[in-house]
Amino acid sequence: MYGSKPVNLAKQQGVSLSGLIFLLAIITFIAMFAMKVFPTFLEYRAVQAGIVSAKKVEGTVRDIQLSFDKHANINRIESIKGTDLIITKDTGETQVAFAYTARIPLITNVTLLIDYAGTTDPSGKIPEKPAEPIR
């Protein structure tokens, strides 16, 4: 073997099997986390679009709620209903806002809570939901 060079085992490079398994475990954990969180983010974006379309109704509070419920039914929004919206008319223009918490079960008894909120108010301030009347 005239053209071959001797192999020095101390200078070999690459990933060991245990290193590869560890890297794959980390990538799998991140992928599982993303697959559980991403749908709630998509639903949040659909809720934002829903309050914008509901605001365009320019009707009564019930008309805005029904408009949002129709949008929610089409886009499979299950975290919030039209009755959960915060509808105000402080400056003469109707503003619609929402706030809710998404509960995402991760592993057995570990749950991730994400607070989502949004408004059509240009100032970005979300008003407090008025207390329900006692019946």
C-alpha atoms as a PDB file:
ATOM      1  CA  MET A   1       0.000   0.000   0.000  1.00  0.00           C
ATOM      2  CA  TYR A   2       2.120   2.734  -1.280  1.00  0.00           C
ATOM      3  CA  GLY A   3      -0.330   5.682  -1.456  1.00  0.00           C
ATOM      4  CA  SER A   4      -2.197   5.376   1.837  1.00  0.00           C
ATOM      5  CA  LYS A   5      -1.467   7.522   4.868  1.00  0.00           C
ATOM      6  CA  PRO A   6      -1.494   6.095   8.367  1.00  0.00           C
ATOM      7  CA  VAL A   7      -4.661   6.838  10.355  1.00  0.00           C
ATOM      8  CA  ASN A   8      -4.163   8.629  13.651  1.00  0.00           C
ATOM      9  CA  LEU A   9      -7.092   7.755  15.930  1.00  0.00           C
ATOM     10  CA  ALA A  10      -6.460  10.765  18.182  1.00  0.00           C
ATOM     11  CA  LYS A  11      -7.250  13.179  15.323  1.00  0.00           C
ATOM     12  CA  GLN A  12     -10.464  11.612  14.047  1.00  0.00           C
ATOM     13  CA  GLN A  13     -13.412  13.950  13.936  1.00  0.00           C
ATOM     14  CA  GLY A  14     -17.166  13.386  13.964  1.00  0.00           C
ATOM     15  CA  VAL A  15     -20.136  12.853  16.223  1.00  0.00           C
ATOM     16  CA  SER A  16     -20.262   9.916  18.580  1.00  0.00           C
ATOM     17  CA  LEU A  17     -23.349   7.743  18.801  1.00  0.00           C
ATOM     18  CA  SER A  18     -24.208   9.037  22.276  1.00  0.00           C
ATOM     19  CA  GLY A  19     -23.786  12.623  21.064  1.00  0.00           C
ATOM     20  CA  LEU A  20     -26.071  11.932  18.098  1.00  0.00           C
ATOM     21  CA  ILE A  21     -28.736  10.386  20.344  1.00  0.00           C
ATOM     22  CA  PHE A  22     -28.546  13.362  22.725  1.00  0.00           C
ATOM     23  CA  LEU A  23     -28.855  15.827  19.817  1.00  0.00           C
ATOM     24  CA  LEU A  24     -31.836  13.942  18.382  1.00  0.00           C
ATOM     25  CA  ALA A  25     -33.521  13.950  21.815  1.00  0.00           C
ATOM     26  CA  ILE A  26     -33.145  17.734  22.081  1.00  0.00           C
ATOM     27  CA  ILE A  27     -34.457  18.276  18.542  1.00  0.00           C
ATOM     28  CA  THR A  28     -37.412  15.965  19.252  1.00  0.00           C
ATOM     29  CA  PHE A  29     -38.268  17.823  22.467  1.00  0.00           C
ATOM     30  CA  ILE A  30     -38.170  21.202  20.694  1.00  0.00           C
ATOM     31  CA  ALA A  31     -40.292  19.857  17.827  1.00  0.00           C
ATOM     32  CA  MET A  32     -42.890  18.437  20.235  1.00  0.00           C
ATOM     33  CA  PHE A  33     -43.011  21.739  22.127  1.00  0.00           C
ATOM     34  CA  ALA A  34     -43.480  23.698  18.876  1.00  0.00           C
ATOM     35  CA  MET A  35     -46.202  21.338  17.643  1.00  0.00           C
ATOM     36  CA  LYS A  36     -48.191  21.935  20.825  1.00  0.00           C
ATOM     37  CA  VAL A  37     -47.720  25.727  21.013  1.00  0.00           C
ATOM     38  CA  PHE A  38     -48.086  26.660  17.330  1.00  0.00           C
ATOM     39  CA  PRO A  39     -51.821  25.790  17.026  1.00  0.00           C
ATOM     40  CA  THR A  40     -52.660  28.100  19.944  1.00  0.00           C
ATOM     41  CA  PHE A  41     -50.736  30.898  18.229  1.00  0.00           C
ATOM     42  CA  LEU A  42     -52.693  30.290  15.009  1.00  0.00           C
ATOM     43  CA  GLU A  43     -55.932  30.406  16.984  1.00  0.00           C
ATOM     44  CA  TYR A  44     -54.815  33.685  18.588  1.00  0.00           C
ATOM     45  CA  ARG A  45     -54.229  35.160  15.116  1.00  0.00           C
ATOM     46  CA  ALA A  46     -57.704  33.984  14.054  1.00  0.00           C
ATOM     47  CA  VAL A  47     -59.226  35.661  17.143  1.00  0.00           C
ATOM     48  CA  GLN A  48     -57.459  38.911  16.232  1.00  0.00           C
ATOM     49  CA  ALA A  49     -58.883  38.721  12.707  1.00  0.00           C
ATOM     50  CA  GLY A  50     -62.294  37.907  14.189  1.00  0.00           C
ATOM     51  CA  ILE A  51     -62.466  41.011  16.385  1.00  0.00           C
ATOM     52  CA  VAL A  52     -61.436  43.190  13.436  1.00  0.00           C
ATOM     53  CA  SER A  53     -64.224  41.745  11.287  1.00  0.00           C
ATOM     54  CA  ALA A  54     -66.715  41.920  14.167  1.00  0.00           C
ATOM     55  CA  LYS A  55     -65.894  45.601  14.730  1.00  0.00           C
ATOM     56  CA  LYS A  56     -66.877  46.354  11.119  1.00  0.00           C
ATOM     57  CA  VAL A  57     -70.471  45.311  11.888  1.00  0.00           C
ATOM     58  CA  GLU A  58     -71.098  48.665  13.656  1.00  0.00           C
ATOM     59  CA  GLY A  59     -74.223  47.289  15.327  1.00  0.00           C
ATOM     60  CA  THR A  60     -75.260  46.559  18.856  1.00  0.00           C
ATOM     61  CA  VAL A  61     -73.122  44.625  21.305  1.00  0.00           C
ATOM     62  CA  ARG A  62     -75.106  41.470  20.517  1.00  0.00           C
ATOM     63  CA  ASP A  63     -74.592  42.004  16.746  1.00  0.00           C
ATOM     64  CA  ILE A  64     -70.823  42.218  17.288  1.00  0.00           C
ATOM     65  CA  GLN A  65     -70.872  39.084  19.453  1.00  0.00           C
ATOM     66  CA  LEU A  66     -72.863  37.148  16.853  1.00  0.00           C
ATOM     67  CA  SER A  67     -70.513  38.300  14.096  1.00  0.00           C
ATOM     68  CA  PHE A  68     -67.531  37.081  16.088  1.00  0.00           C
ATOM     69  CA  ASP A  69     -69.270  33.759  16.821  1.00  0.00           C
ATOM     70  CA  LYS A  70     -69.817  33.225  13.081  1.00  0.00           C
ATOM     71  CA  HIS A  71     -66.152  33.968  12.434  1.00  0.00           C
ATOM     72  CA  ALA A  72     -65.174  31.628  15.286  1.00  0.00           C
ATOM     73  CA  ASN A  73     -67.341  28.853  13.894  1.00  0.00           C
ATOM     74  CA  ILE A  74     -65.732  29.138  10.444  1.00  0.00           C
ATOM     75  CA  ASN A  75     -62.168  29.282  11.813  1.00  0.00           C
ATOM     76  CA  ARG A  76     -62.651  26.679  14.582  1.00  0.00           C
ATOM     77  CA  ILE A  77     -61.940  29.050  17.440  1.00  0.00           C
ATOM     78  CA  GLU A  78     -62.771  27.281  20.688  1.00  0.00           C
ATOM     79  CA  SER A  79     -60.858  29.297  23.304  1.00  0.00           C
ATOM     80  CA  ILE A  80     -63.151  32.298  23.366  1.00  0.00           C
ATOM     81  CA  LYS A  81     -66.779  33.073  22.528  1.00  0.00           C
ATOM     82  CA  GLY A  82     -68.525  36.275  21.499  1.00  0.00           C
ATOM     83  CA  THR A  83     -69.832  36.764  25.031  1.00  0.00           C
ATOM     84  CA  ASP A  84     -66.221  36.809  26.314  1.00  0.00           C
ATOM     85  CA  LEU A  85     -65.320  39.874  24.223  1.00  0.00           C
ATOM     86  CA  ILE A  86     -64.843  43.261  25.870  1.00  0.00           C
ATOM     87  CA  ILE A  87     -66.824  45.786  23.805  1.00  0.00           C
ATOM     88  CA  THR A  88     -66.511  49.474  24.689  1.00  0.00           C
ATOM     89  CA  LYS A  89     -67.498  52.781  23.173  1.00  0.00           C
ATOM     90  CA  ASP A  90     -65.511  55.345  25.157  1.00  0.00           C
ATOM     91  CA  THR A  91     -64.323  57.735  22.448  1.00  0.00           C
ATOM     92  CA  GLY A  92     -67.418  57.458  20.289  1.00  0.00           C
ATOM     93  CA  GLU A  93     -65.954  54.601  18.271  1.00  0.00           C
ATOM     94  CA  THR A  94     -66.641  50.979  19.114  1.00  0.00           C
ATOM     95  CA  GLN A  95     -63.587  49.037  20.273  1.00  0.00           C
ATOM     96  CA  VAL A  96     -63.427  45.292  20.684  1.00  0.00           C
ATOM     97  CA  ALA A  97     -60.887  43.528  22.905  1.00  0.00           C
ATOM     98  CA  PHE A  98     -60.232  40.075  24.299  1.00  0.00           C
ATOM     99  CA  ALA A  99     -58.041  38.375  26.862  1.00  0.00           C
ATOM    100  CA  TYR A 100     -57.786  34.676  27.584  1.00  0.00           C
ATOM    101  CA  THR A 101     -55.337  32.055  28.807  1.00  0.00           C
ATOM    102  CA  ALA A 102     -54.376  29.032  26.724  1.00  0.00           C
ATOM    103  CA  ARG A 103     -53.586  25.882  28.730  1.00  0.00           C
ATOM    104  CA  ILE A 104     -51.217  23.540  26.901  1.00  0.00           C
ATOM    105  CA  PRO A 105     -50.486  20.161  28.520  1.00  0.00           C
ATOM    106  CA  LEU A 106     -46.827  19.316  27.869  1.00  0.00           C
ATOM    107  CA  ILE A 107     -45.829  16.219  29.835  1.00  0.00           C
ATOM    108  CA  THR A 108     -48.086  14.331  32.272  1.00  0.00           C
ATOM    109  CA  ASN A 109     -48.726  16.953  34.979  1.00  0.00           C
ATOM    110  CA  VAL A 110     -46.750  19.830  33.396  1.00  0.00           C
ATOM    111  CA  THR A 111     -48.891  22.534  31.765  1.00  0.00           C
ATOM    112  CA  LEU A 112     -47.831  25.649  29.887  1.00  0.00           C
ATOM    113  CA  LEU A 113     -50.048  28.723  30.347  1.00  0.00           C
ATOM    114  CA  ILE A 114     -49.965  31.489  27.722  1.00  0.00           C
ATOM    115  CA  ASP A 115     -51.919  34.716  28.218  1.00  0.00           C
ATOM    116  CA  TYR A 116     -53.237  36.036  24.908  1.00  0.00           C
ATOM    117  CA  ALA A 117     -54.801  39.483  24.604  1.00  0.00           C
ATOM    118  CA  GLY A 118     -55.642  41.869  21.796  1.00  0.00           C
ATOM    119  CA  THR A 119     -57.710  44.899  20.910  1.00  0.00           C
ATOM    120  CA  THR A 120     -58.837  47.020  17.991  1.00  0.00           C
ATOM    121  CA  ASP A 121     -58.021  50.166  19.971  1.00  0.00           C
ATOM    122  CA  PRO A 122     -55.057  51.964  18.339  1.00  0.00           C
ATOM    123  CA  SER A 123     -53.631  52.764  21.792  1.00  0.00           C
ATOM    124  CA  GLY A 124     -53.351  49.026  22.495  1.00  0.00           C
ATOM    125  CA  LYS A 125     -54.917  49.379  25.957  1.00  0.00           C
ATOM    126  CA  ILE A 126     -57.190  46.510  26.886  1.00  0.00           C
ATOM    127  CA  PRO A 127     -60.014  47.573  29.227  1.00  0.00           C
ATOM    128  CA  GLU A 128     -61.132  45.481  32.173  1.00  0.00           C
ATOM    129  CA  LYS A 129     -64.126  43.264  31.542  1.00  0.00           C
ATOM    130  CA  PRO A 130     -67.130  44.683  33.377  1.00  0.00           C
ATOM    131  CA  ALA A 131     -68.567  42.554  36.149  1.00  0.00           C
ATOM    132  CA  GLU A 132     -71.532  40.395  35.213  1.00  0.00           C
ATOM    133  CA  PRO A 133     -74.829  41.528  36.719  1.00  0.00           C
ATOM    134  CA  ILE A 134     -76.117  39.333  39.534  1.00  0.00           C
ATOM    135  CA  ARG A 135     -79.326  37.581  38.600  1.00  0.00           C
END
